[in-house]
Amino acid sequence: TVSLEQLIDSPVLAGRWFREIDLAP
């Protein structure tokens, strides 16, 4: 649960061809 302010400030990217890279770990 978050504030409406934080929710609208937090989009979601979804996809079949998806990759997440950890930067400057």
mmCIF file of all heavy atoms, coordinates in Angstrom:
data_MODEL
# 
_entry.id   MODEL 
# 
loop_
_atom_site.group_PDB 
_atom_site.id 
_atom_site.type_symbol 
_atom_site.label_atom_id 
_atom_site.label_alt_id 
_atom_site.label_comp_id 
_atom_site.label_asym_id 
_atom_site.label_entity_id 
_atom_site.label_seq_id 
_atom_site.pdbx_PDB_ins_code 
_atom_site.Cartn_x 
_atom_site.Cartn_y 
_atom_site.Cartn_z 
_atom_site.occupancy 
_atom_site.B_iso_or_equiv 
_atom_site.pdbx_formal_charge 
_atom_site.auth_seq_id 
_atom_site.auth_comp_id 
_atom_site.auth_asym_id 
_atom_site.auth_atom_id 
_atom_site.pdbx_PDB_model_num 
ATOM 1   N N   . THR A 1 1  ? 0.834  -1.195  0.000   1.00 0.00 ? 1  THR A N   1 
ATOM 2   C CA  . THR A 1 1  ? 0.000  0.000   0.000   1.00 0.00 ? 1  THR A CA  1 
ATOM 3   C C   . THR A 1 1  ? 0.870  1.246   0.000   1.00 0.00 ? 1  THR A C   1 
ATOM 4   O O   . THR A 1 1  ? 1.837  1.348   0.765   1.00 0.00 ? 1  THR A O   1 
ATOM 5   C CB  . THR A 1 1  ? -0.919 0.000   1.221   1.00 0.00 ? 1  THR A CB  1 
ATOM 6   O OG1 . THR A 1 1  ? -1.784 -1.144  1.155   1.00 0.00 ? 1  THR A OG1 1 
ATOM 7   C CG2 . THR A 1 1  ? -1.766 1.263   1.271   1.00 0.00 ? 1  THR A CG2 1 
ATOM 8   N N   . VAL A 1 2  ? 0.538  2.172   -0.884  1.00 0.00 ? 2  VAL A N   1 
ATOM 9   C CA  . VAL A 1 2  ? 1.291  3.423   -1.007  1.00 0.00 ? 2  VAL A CA  1 
ATOM 10  C C   . VAL A 1 2  ? 0.307  4.579   -1.137  1.00 0.00 ? 2  VAL A C   1 
ATOM 11  O O   . VAL A 1 2  ? -0.890 4.377   -1.353  1.00 0.00 ? 2  VAL A O   1 
ATOM 12  C CB  . VAL A 1 2  ? 2.222  3.403   -2.244  1.00 0.00 ? 2  VAL A CB  1 
ATOM 13  C CG1 . VAL A 1 2  ? 3.316  2.360   -2.102  1.00 0.00 ? 2  VAL A CG1 1 
ATOM 14  C CG2 . VAL A 1 2  ? 1.422  3.170   -3.532  1.00 0.00 ? 2  VAL A CG2 1 
ATOM 15  N N   . SER A 1 3  ? 0.815  5.794   -1.025  1.00 0.00 ? 3  SER A N   1 
ATOM 16  C CA  . SER A 1 3  ? -0.036 6.953   -1.271  1.00 0.00 ? 3  SER A CA  1 
ATOM 17  C C   . SER A 1 3  ? -0.355 7.038   -2.755  1.00 0.00 ? 3  SER A C   1 
ATOM 18  O O   . SER A 1 3  ? 0.374  6.517   -3.613  1.00 0.00 ? 3  SER A O   1 
ATOM 19  C CB  . SER A 1 3  ? 0.676  8.236   -0.819  1.00 0.00 ? 3  SER A CB  1 
ATOM 20  O OG  . SER A 1 3  ? 1.776  8.510   -1.665  1.00 0.00 ? 3  SER A OG  1 
ATOM 21  N N   . LEU A 1 4  ? -1.462 7.699   -3.069  1.00 0.00 ? 4  LEU A N   1 
ATOM 22  C CA  . LEU A 1 4  ? -1.819 7.914   -4.470  1.00 0.00 ? 4  LEU A CA  1 
ATOM 23  C C   . LEU A 1 4  ? -0.713 8.675   -5.192  1.00 0.00 ? 4  LEU A C   1 
ATOM 24  O O   . LEU A 1 4  ? -0.416 8.407   -6.369  1.00 0.00 ? 4  LEU A O   1 
ATOM 25  C CB  . LEU A 1 4  ? -3.138 8.683   -4.562  1.00 0.00 ? 4  LEU A CB  1 
ATOM 26  C CG  . LEU A 1 4  ? -3.664 8.976   -5.965  1.00 0.00 ? 4  LEU A CG  1 
ATOM 27  C CD1 . LEU A 1 4  ? -3.859 7.695   -6.763  1.00 0.00 ? 4  LEU A CD1 1 
ATOM 28  C CD2 . LEU A 1 4  ? -4.959 9.777   -5.888  1.00 0.00 ? 4  LEU A CD2 1 
ATOM 29  N N   . GLU A 1 5  ? -0.072 9.589   -4.489  1.00 0.00 ? 5  GLU A N   1 
ATOM 30  C CA  . GLU A 1 5  ? 1.039  10.341  -5.067  1.00 0.00 ? 5  GLU A CA  1 
ATOM 31  C C   . GLU A 1 5  ? 2.157  9.404   -5.510  1.00 0.00 ? 5  GLU A C   1 
ATOM 32  O O   . GLU A 1 5  ? 2.680  9.511   -6.629  1.00 0.00 ? 5  GLU A O   1 
ATOM 33  C CB  . GLU A 1 5  ? 1.573  11.344  -4.044  1.00 0.00 ? 5  GLU A CB  1 
ATOM 34  C CG  . GLU A 1 5  ? 2.785  12.133  -4.516  1.00 0.00 ? 5  GLU A CG  1 
ATOM 35  C CD  . GLU A 1 5  ? 3.331  13.042  -3.436  1.00 0.00 ? 5  GLU A CD  1 
ATOM 36  O OE1 . GLU A 1 5  ? 3.264  12.674  -2.250  1.00 0.00 ? 5  GLU A OE1 1 
ATOM 37  O OE2 . GLU A 1 5  ? 3.847  14.119  -3.789  1.00 0.00 ? 5  GLU A OE2 1 
ATOM 38  N N   . GLN A 1 6  ? 2.535  8.458   -4.652  1.00 0.00 ? 6  GLN A N   1 
ATOM 39  C CA  . GLN A 1 6  ? 3.608  7.542   -4.995  1.00 0.00 ? 6  GLN A CA  1 
ATOM 40  C C   . GLN A 1 6  ? 3.174  6.535   -6.056  1.00 0.00 ? 6  GLN A C   1 
ATOM 41  O O   . GLN A 1 6  ? 3.969  6.137   -6.908  1.00 0.00 ? 6  GLN A O   1 
ATOM 42  C CB  . GLN A 1 6  ? 4.109  6.806   -3.752  1.00 0.00 ? 6  GLN A CB  1 
ATOM 43  C CG  . GLN A 1 6  ? 5.363  5.975   -4.013  1.00 0.00 ? 6  GLN A CG  1 
ATOM 44  C CD  . GLN A 1 6  ? 5.980  5.422   -2.746  1.00 0.00 ? 6  GLN A CD  1 
ATOM 45  O OE1 . GLN A 1 6  ? 5.627  5.836   -1.637  1.00 0.00 ? 6  GLN A OE1 1 
ATOM 46  N NE2 . GLN A 1 6  ? 6.893  4.492   -2.898  1.00 0.00 ? 6  GLN A NE2 1 
ATOM 47  N N   . LEU A 1 7  ? 1.910  6.137   -6.038  1.00 0.00 ? 7  LEU A N   1 
ATOM 48  C CA  . LEU A 1 7  ? 1.424  5.186   -7.033  1.00 0.00 ? 7  LEU A CA  1 
ATOM 49  C C   . LEU A 1 7  ? 1.524  5.774   -8.438  1.00 0.00 ? 7  LEU A C   1 
ATOM 50  O O   . LEU A 1 7  ? 2.084  5.147   -9.351  1.00 0.00 ? 7  LEU A O   1 
ATOM 51  C CB  . LEU A 1 7  ? -0.021 4.793   -6.734  1.00 0.00 ? 7  LEU A CB  1 
ATOM 52  C CG  . LEU A 1 7  ? -0.645 3.824   -7.755  1.00 0.00 ? 7  LEU A CG  1 
ATOM 53  C CD1 . LEU A 1 7  ? 0.019  2.458   -7.665  1.00 0.00 ? 7  LEU A CD1 1 
ATOM 54  C CD2 . LEU A 1 7  ? -2.154 3.716   -7.555  1.00 0.00 ? 7  LEU A CD2 1 
ATOM 55  N N   . ILE A 1 8  ? 0.981  6.962   -8.632  1.00 0.00 ? 8  ILE A N   1 
ATOM 56  C CA  . ILE A 1 8  ? 1.017  7.582   -9.954  1.00 0.00 ? 8  ILE A CA  1 
ATOM 57  C C   . ILE A 1 8  ? 2.447  7.899   -10.368 1.00 0.00 ? 8  ILE A C   1 
ATOM 58  O O   . ILE A 1 8  ? 2.761  7.985   -11.560 1.00 0.00 ? 8  ILE A O   1 
ATOM 59  C CB  . ILE A 1 8  ? 0.090  8.812   -9.977  1.00 0.00 ? 8  ILE A CB  1 
ATOM 60  C CG1 . ILE A 1 8  ? -1.377 8.341   -9.973  1.00 0.00 ? 8  ILE A CG1 1 
ATOM 61  C CG2 . ILE A 1 8  ? 0.370  9.730   -11.156 1.00 0.00 ? 8  ILE A CG2 1 
ATOM 62  C CD1 . ILE A 1 8  ? -2.406 9.437   -10.047 1.00 0.00 ? 8  ILE A CD1 1 
ATOM 63  N N   . ASP A 1 9  ? 3.328  8.010   -9.395  1.00 0.00 ? 9  ASP A N   1 
ATOM 64  C CA  . ASP A 1 9  ? 4.742  8.265   -9.659  1.00 0.00 ? 9  ASP A CA  1 
ATOM 65  C C   . ASP A 1 9  ? 5.522  6.973   -9.915  1.00 0.00 ? 9  ASP A C   1 
ATOM 66  O O   . ASP A 1 9  ? 6.745  7.010   -10.010 1.00 0.00 ? 9  ASP A O   1 
ATOM 67  C CB  . ASP A 1 9  ? 5.353  9.011   -8.467  1.00 0.00 ? 9  ASP A CB  1 
ATOM 68  C CG  . ASP A 1 9  ? 6.626  9.750   -8.831  1.00 0.00 ? 9  ASP A CG  1 
ATOM 69  O OD1 . ASP A 1 9  ? 6.735  10.227  -9.970  1.00 0.00 ? 9  ASP A OD1 1 
ATOM 70  O OD2 . ASP A 1 9  ? 7.523  9.840   -7.972  1.00 0.00 ? 9  ASP A OD2 1 
ATOM 71  N N   . SER A 1 10 ? 4.833  5.827   -10.030 1.00 0.00 ? 10 SER A N   1 
ATOM 72  C CA  . SER A 1 10 ? 5.520  4.532   -10.131 1.00 0.00 ? 10 SER A CA  1 
ATOM 73  C C   . SER A 1 10 ? 4.904  3.662   -11.224 1.00 0.00 ? 10 SER A C   1 
ATOM 74  O O   . SER A 1 10 ? 4.161  2.717   -10.935 1.00 0.00 ? 10 SER A O   1 
ATOM 75  C CB  . SER A 1 10 ? 5.458  3.802   -8.783  1.00 0.00 ? 10 SER A CB  1 
ATOM 76  O OG  . SER A 1 10 ? 5.995  4.586   -7.743  1.00 0.00 ? 10 SER A OG  1 
ATOM 77  N N   . PRO A 1 11 ? 5.176  3.933   -12.491 1.00 0.00 ? 11 PRO A N   1 
ATOM 78  C CA  . PRO A 1 11 ? 4.612  3.123   -13.568 1.00 0.00 ? 11 PRO A CA  1 
ATOM 79  C C   . PRO A 1 11 ? 5.155  1.697   -13.557 1.00 0.00 ? 11 PRO A C   1 
ATOM 80  O O   . PRO A 1 11 ? 6.123  1.385   -12.855 1.00 0.00 ? 11 PRO A O   1 
ATOM 81  C CB  . PRO A 1 11 ? 5.047  3.866   -14.836 1.00 0.00 ? 11 PRO A CB  1 
ATOM 82  C CG  . PRO A 1 11 ? 6.264  4.627   -14.418 1.00 0.00 ? 11 PRO A CG  1 
ATOM 83  C CD  . PRO A 1 11 ? 6.049  5.001   -12.989 1.00 0.00 ? 11 PRO A CD  1 
ATOM 84  N N   . VAL A 1 12 ? 4.525  0.834   -14.349 1.00 0.00 ? 12 VAL A N   1 
ATOM 85  C CA  . VAL A 1 12 ? 4.919  -0.575  -14.451 1.00 0.00 ? 12 VAL A CA  1 
ATOM 86  C C   . VAL A 1 12 ? 5.183  -0.890  -15.921 1.00 0.00 ? 12 VAL A C   1 
ATOM 87  O O   . VAL A 1 12 ? 4.354  -0.587  -16.789 1.00 0.00 ? 12 VAL A O   1 
ATOM 88  C CB  . VAL A 1 12 ? 3.812  -1.504  -13.915 1.00 0.00 ? 12 VAL A CB  1 
ATOM 89  C CG1 . VAL A 1 12 ? 4.231  -2.971  -14.066 1.00 0.00 ? 12 VAL A CG1 1 
ATOM 90  C CG2 . VAL A 1 12 ? 3.494  -1.186  -12.459 1.00 0.00 ? 12 VAL A CG2 1 
ATOM 91  N N   . LEU A 1 13 ? 6.338  -1.498  -16.191 1.00 0.00 ? 13 LEU A N   1 
ATOM 92  C CA  . LEU A 1 13 ? 6.666  -1.965  -17.537 1.00 0.00 ? 13 LEU A CA  1 
ATOM 93  C C   . LEU A 1 13 ? 6.588  -3.485  -17.556 1.00 0.00 ? 13 LEU A C   1 
ATOM 94  O O   . LEU A 1 13 ? 7.228  -4.157  -16.733 1.00 0.00 ? 13 LEU A O   1 
ATOM 95  C CB  . LEU A 1 13 ? 8.073  -1.519  -17.939 1.00 0.00 ? 13 LEU A CB  1 
ATOM 96  C CG  . LEU A 1 13 ? 8.595  -2.043  -19.287 1.00 0.00 ? 13 LEU A CG  1 
ATOM 97  C CD1 . LEU A 1 13 ? 7.730  -1.527  -20.439 1.00 0.00 ? 13 LEU A CD1 1 
ATOM 98  C CD2 . LEU A 1 13 ? 10.051 -1.637  -19.491 1.00 0.00 ? 13 LEU A CD2 1 
ATOM 99  N N   . ALA A 1 14 ? 5.799  -4.044  -18.457 1.00 0.00 ? 14 ALA A N   1 
ATOM 100 C CA  . ALA A 1 14 ? 5.621  -5.491  -18.542 1.00 0.00 ? 14 ALA A CA  1 
ATOM 101 C C   . ALA A 1 14 ? 5.806  -5.949  -19.975 1.00 0.00 ? 14 ALA A C   1 
ATOM 102 O O   . ALA A 1 14 ? 5.514  -5.206  -20.927 1.00 0.00 ? 14 ALA A O   1 
ATOM 103 C CB  . ALA A 1 14 ? 4.229  -5.888  -18.039 1.00 0.00 ? 14 ALA A CB  1 
ATOM 104 N N   . GLY A 1 15 ? 6.283  -7.193  -20.137 1.00 0.00 ? 15 GLY A N   1 
ATOM 105 C CA  . GLY A 1 15 ? 6.446  -7.693  -21.488 1.00 0.00 ? 15 GLY A CA  1 
ATOM 106 C C   . GLY A 1 15 ? 6.851  -9.153  -21.546 1.00 0.00 ? 15 GLY A C   1 
ATOM 107 O O   . GLY A 1 15 ? 7.336  -9.726  -20.572 1.00 0.00 ? 15 GLY A O   1 
ATOM 108 N N   . ARG A 1 16 ? 6.614  -9.740  -22.714 1.00 0.00 ? 16 ARG A N   1 
ATOM 109 C CA  . ARG A 1 16 ? 7.042  -11.122 -22.946 1.00 0.00 ? 16 ARG A CA  1 
ATOM 110 C C   . ARG A 1 16 ? 8.563  -11.185 -23.048 1.00 0.00 ? 16 ARG A C   1 
ATOM 111 O O   . ARG A 1 16 ? 9.201  -12.076 -22.511 1.00 0.00 ? 16 ARG A O   1 
ATOM 112 C CB  . ARG A 1 16 ? 6.397  -11.636 -24.229 1.00 0.00 ? 16 ARG A CB  1 
ATOM 113 C CG  . ARG A 1 16 ? 6.763  -13.088 -24.556 1.00 0.00 ? 16 ARG A CG  1 
ATOM 114 C CD  . ARG A 1 16 ? 6.075  -13.543 -25.839 1.00 0.00 ? 16 ARG A CD  1 
ATOM 115 N NE  . ARG A 1 16 ? 4.623  -13.354 -25.766 1.00 0.00 ? 16 ARG A NE  1 
ATOM 116 C CZ  . ARG A 1 16 ? 3.796  -14.187 -25.142 1.00 0.00 ? 16 ARG A CZ  1 
ATOM 117 N NH1 . ARG A 1 16 ? 4.264  -15.255 -24.521 1.00 0.00 ? 16 ARG A NH1 1 
ATOM 118 N NH2 . ARG A 1 16 ? 2.503  -13.943 -25.133 1.00 0.00 ? 16 ARG A NH2 1 
ATOM 119 N N   . TRP A 1 17 ? 9.146  -10.244 -23.786 1.00 0.00 ? 17 TRP A N   1 
ATOM 120 C CA  . TRP A 1 17 ? 10.591 -10.185 -23.935 1.00 0.00 ? 17 TRP A CA  1 
ATOM 121 C C   . TRP A 1 17 ? 11.097 -9.123  -22.967 1.00 0.00 ? 17 TRP A C   1 
ATOM 122 O O   . TRP A 1 17 ? 11.124 -7.941  -23.280 1.00 0.00 ? 17 TRP A O   1 
ATOM 123 C CB  . TRP A 1 17 ? 10.967 -9.871  -25.380 1.00 0.00 ? 17 TRP A CB  1 
ATOM 124 C CG  . TRP A 1 17 ? 10.234 -10.722 -26.376 1.00 0.00 ? 17 TRP A CG  1 
ATOM 125 C CD1 . TRP A 1 17 ? 9.300  -10.317 -27.269 1.00 0.00 ? 17 TRP A CD1 1 
ATOM 126 C CD2 . TRP A 1 17 ? 10.363 -12.133 -26.554 1.00 0.00 ? 17 TRP A CD2 1 
ATOM 127 N NE1 . TRP A 1 17 ? 8.837  -11.359 -28.007 1.00 0.00 ? 17 TRP A NE1 1 
ATOM 128 C CE2 . TRP A 1 17 ? 9.473  -12.511 -27.593 1.00 0.00 ? 17 TRP A CE2 1 
ATOM 129 C CE3 . TRP A 1 17 ? 11.137 -13.130 -25.960 1.00 0.00 ? 17 TRP A CE3 1 
ATOM 130 C CZ2 . TRP A 1 17 ? 9.335  -13.815 -28.035 1.00 0.00 ? 17 TRP A CZ2 1 
ATOM 131 C CZ3 . TRP A 1 17 ? 11.001 -14.434 -26.399 1.00 0.00 ? 17 TRP A CZ3 1 
ATOM 132 C CH2 . TRP A 1 17 ? 10.117 -14.767 -27.415 1.00 0.00 ? 17 TRP A CH2 1 
ATOM 133 N N   . PHE A 1 18 ? 11.466 -9.574  -21.792 1.00 0.00 ? 18 PHE A N   1 
ATOM 134 C CA  . PHE A 1 18 ? 11.781 -8.673  -20.679 1.00 0.00 ? 18 PHE A CA  1 
ATOM 135 C C   . PHE A 1 18 ? 13.146 -9.047  -20.094 1.00 0.00 ? 18 PHE A C   1 
ATOM 136 O O   . PHE A 1 18 ? 13.473 -10.230 -19.975 1.00 0.00 ? 18 PHE A O   1 
ATOM 137 C CB  . PHE A 1 18 ? 10.697 -8.764  -19.596 1.00 0.00 ? 18 PHE A CB  1 
ATOM 138 C CG  . PHE A 1 18 ? 10.881 -7.798  -18.450 1.00 0.00 ? 18 PHE A CG  1 
ATOM 139 C CD1 . PHE A 1 18 ? 10.322 -6.537  -18.500 1.00 0.00 ? 18 PHE A CD1 1 
ATOM 140 C CD2 . PHE A 1 18 ? 11.621 -8.157  -17.322 1.00 0.00 ? 18 PHE A CD2 1 
ATOM 141 C CE1 . PHE A 1 18 ? 10.490 -5.646  -17.452 1.00 0.00 ? 18 PHE A CE1 1 
ATOM 142 C CE2 . PHE A 1 18 ? 11.797 -7.277  -16.279 1.00 0.00 ? 18 PHE A CE2 1 
ATOM 143 C CZ  . PHE A 1 18 ? 11.223 -6.011  -16.339 1.00 0.00 ? 18 PHE A CZ  1 
ATOM 144 N N   . ARG A 1 19 ? 13.900 -8.031  -19.728 1.00 0.00 ? 19 ARG A N   1 
ATOM 145 C CA  . ARG A 1 19 ? 15.222 -8.257  -19.137 1.00 0.00 ? 19 ARG A CA  1 
ATOM 146 C C   . ARG A 1 19 ? 15.491 -7.217  -18.074 1.00 0.00 ? 19 ARG A C   1 
ATOM 147 O O   . ARG A 1 19 ? 15.245 -6.026  -18.302 1.00 0.00 ? 19 ARG A O   1 
ATOM 148 C CB  . ARG A 1 19 ? 16.303 -8.182  -20.215 1.00 0.00 ? 19 ARG A CB  1 
ATOM 149 C CG  . ARG A 1 19 ? 17.738 -8.421  -19.729 1.00 0.00 ? 19 ARG A CG  1 
ATOM 150 C CD  . ARG A 1 19 ? 18.718 -8.217  -20.884 1.00 0.00 ? 19 ARG A CD  1 
ATOM 151 N NE  . ARG A 1 19 ? 20.099 -8.459  -20.476 1.00 0.00 ? 19 ARG A NE  1 
ATOM 152 C CZ  . ARG A 1 19 ? 21.166 -8.161  -21.216 1.00 0.00 ? 19 ARG A CZ  1 
ATOM 153 N NH1 . ARG A 1 19 ? 21.003 -7.609  -22.420 1.00 0.00 ? 19 ARG A NH1 1 
ATOM 154 N NH2 . ARG A 1 19 ? 22.389 -8.411  -20.766 1.00 0.00 ? 19 ARG A NH2 1 
ATOM 155 N N   . GLU A 1 20 ? 15.953 -7.633  -16.910 1.00 0.00 ? 20 GLU A N   1 
ATOM 156 C CA  . GLU A 1 20 ? 16.331 -6.697  -15.845 1.00 0.00 ? 20 GLU A CA  1 
ATOM 157 C C   . GLU A 1 20 ? 17.819 -6.827  -15.577 1.00 0.00 ? 20 GLU A C   1 
ATOM 158 O O   . GLU A 1 20 ? 18.337 -7.927  -15.353 1.00 0.00 ? 20 GLU A O   1 
ATOM 159 C CB  . GLU A 1 20 ? 15.543 -6.957  -14.565 1.00 0.00 ? 20 GLU A CB  1 
ATOM 160 C CG  . GLU A 1 20 ? 15.852 -5.945  -13.469 1.00 0.00 ? 20 GLU A CG  1 
ATOM 161 C CD  . GLU A 1 20 ? 14.886 -6.019  -12.296 1.00 0.00 ? 20 GLU A CD  1 
ATOM 162 O OE1 . GLU A 1 20 ? 15.144 -6.847  -11.393 1.00 0.00 ? 20 GLU A OE1 1 
ATOM 163 O OE2 . GLU A 1 20 ? 13.882 -5.286  -12.296 1.00 0.00 ? 20 GLU A OE2 1 
ATOM 164 N N   . ILE A 1 21 ? 18.513 -5.681  -15.609 1.00 0.00 ? 21 ILE A N   1 
ATOM 165 C CA  . ILE A 1 21 ? 19.967 -5.638  -15.409 1.00 0.00 ? 21 ILE A CA  1 
ATOM 166 C C   . ILE A 1 21 ? 20.264 -4.838  -14.156 1.00 0.00 ? 21 ILE A C   1 
ATOM 167 O O   . ILE A 1 21 ? 19.798 -3.703  -13.992 1.00 0.00 ? 21 ILE A O   1 
ATOM 168 C CB  . ILE A 1 21 ? 20.652 -4.994  -16.632 1.00 0.00 ? 21 ILE A CB  1 
ATOM 169 C CG1 . ILE A 1 21 ? 20.326 -5.791  -17.909 1.00 0.00 ? 21 ILE A CG1 1 
ATOM 170 C CG2 . ILE A 1 21 ? 22.163 -4.913  -16.423 1.00 0.00 ? 21 ILE A CG2 1 
ATOM 171 C CD1 . ILE A 1 21 ? 20.748 -5.087  -19.186 1.00 0.00 ? 21 ILE A CD1 1 
ATOM 172 N N   . ASP A 1 22 ? 21.035 -5.432  -13.270 1.00 0.00 ? 22 ASP A N   1 
ATOM 173 C CA  . ASP A 1 22 ? 21.455 -4.781  -12.029 1.00 0.00 ? 22 ASP A CA  1 
ATOM 174 C C   . ASP A 1 22 ? 22.628 -3.865  -12.354 1.00 0.00 ? 22 ASP A C   1 
ATOM 175 O O   . ASP A 1 22 ? 23.690 -4.334  -12.779 1.00 0.00 ? 22 ASP A O   1 
ATOM 176 C CB  . ASP A 1 22 ? 21.857 -5.857  -11.015 1.00 0.00 ? 22 ASP A CB  1 
ATOM 177 C CG  . ASP A 1 22 ? 22.118 -5.288  -9.631  1.00 0.00 ? 22 ASP A CG  1 
ATOM 178 O OD1 . ASP A 1 22 ? 21.993 -4.064  -9.455  1.00 0.00 ? 22 ASP A OD1 1 
ATOM 179 O OD2 . ASP A 1 22 ? 22.462 -6.073  -8.729  1.00 0.00 ? 22 ASP A OD2 1 
ATOM 180 N N   . LEU A 1 23 ? 22.465 -2.568  -12.166 1.00 0.00 ? 23 LEU A N   1 
ATOM 181 C CA  . LEU A 1 23 ? 23.497 -1.601  -12.518 1.00 0.00 ? 23 LEU A CA  1 
ATOM 182 C C   . LEU A 1 23 ? 24.344 -1.217  -11.310 1.00 0.00 ? 23 LEU A C   1 
ATOM 183 O O   . LEU A 1 23 ? 23.815 -1.097  -10.193 1.00 0.00 ? 23 LEU A O   1 
ATOM 184 C CB  . LEU A 1 23 ? 22.866 -0.344  -13.114 1.00 0.00 ? 23 LEU A CB  1 
ATOM 185 C CG  . LEU A 1 23 ? 22.111 -0.509  -14.443 1.00 0.00 ? 23 LEU A CG  1 
ATOM 186 C CD1 . LEU A 1 23 ? 21.467 0.810   -14.849 1.00 0.00 ? 23 LEU A CD1 1 
ATOM 187 C CD2 . LEU A 1 23 ? 23.038 -1.020  -15.544 1.00 0.00 ? 23 LEU A CD2 1 
ATOM 188 N N   . ALA A 1 24 ? 25.639 -0.990  -11.551 1.00 0.00 ? 24 ALA A N   1 
ATOM 189 C CA  . ALA A 1 24 ? 26.567 -0.548  -10.506 1.00 0.00 ? 24 ALA A CA  1 
ATOM 190 C C   . ALA A 1 24 ? 26.243 -1.245  -9.187  1.00 0.00 ? 24 ALA A C   1 
ATOM 191 O O   . ALA A 1 24 ? 25.867 -0.594  -8.205  1.00 0.00 ? 24 ALA A O   1 
ATOM 192 C CB  . ALA A 1 24 ? 26.509 0.969   -10.352 1.00 0.00 ? 24 ALA A CB  1 
ATOM 193 N N   . PRO A 1 25 ? 26.357 -2.567  -9.131  1.00 0.00 ? 25 PRO A N   1 
ATOM 194 C CA  . PRO A 1 25 ? 25.858 -3.332  -7.980  1.00 0.00 ? 25 PRO A CA  1 
ATOM 195 C C   . PRO A 1 25 ? 26.517 -2.981  -6.654  1.00 0.00 ? 25 PRO A C   1 
ATOM 196 O O   . PRO A 1 25 ? 25.963 -3.308  -5.599  1.00 0.00 ? 25 PRO A O   1 
ATOM 197 C CB  . PRO A 1 25 ? 26.145 -4.787  -8.376  1.00 0.00 ? 25 PRO A CB  1 
ATOM 198 C CG  . PRO A 1 25 ? 27.187 -4.719  -9.433  1.00 0.00 ? 25 PRO A CG  1 
ATOM 199 C CD  . PRO A 1 25 ? 26.954 -3.442  -10.162 1.00 0.00 ? 25 PRO A CD  1 
# 
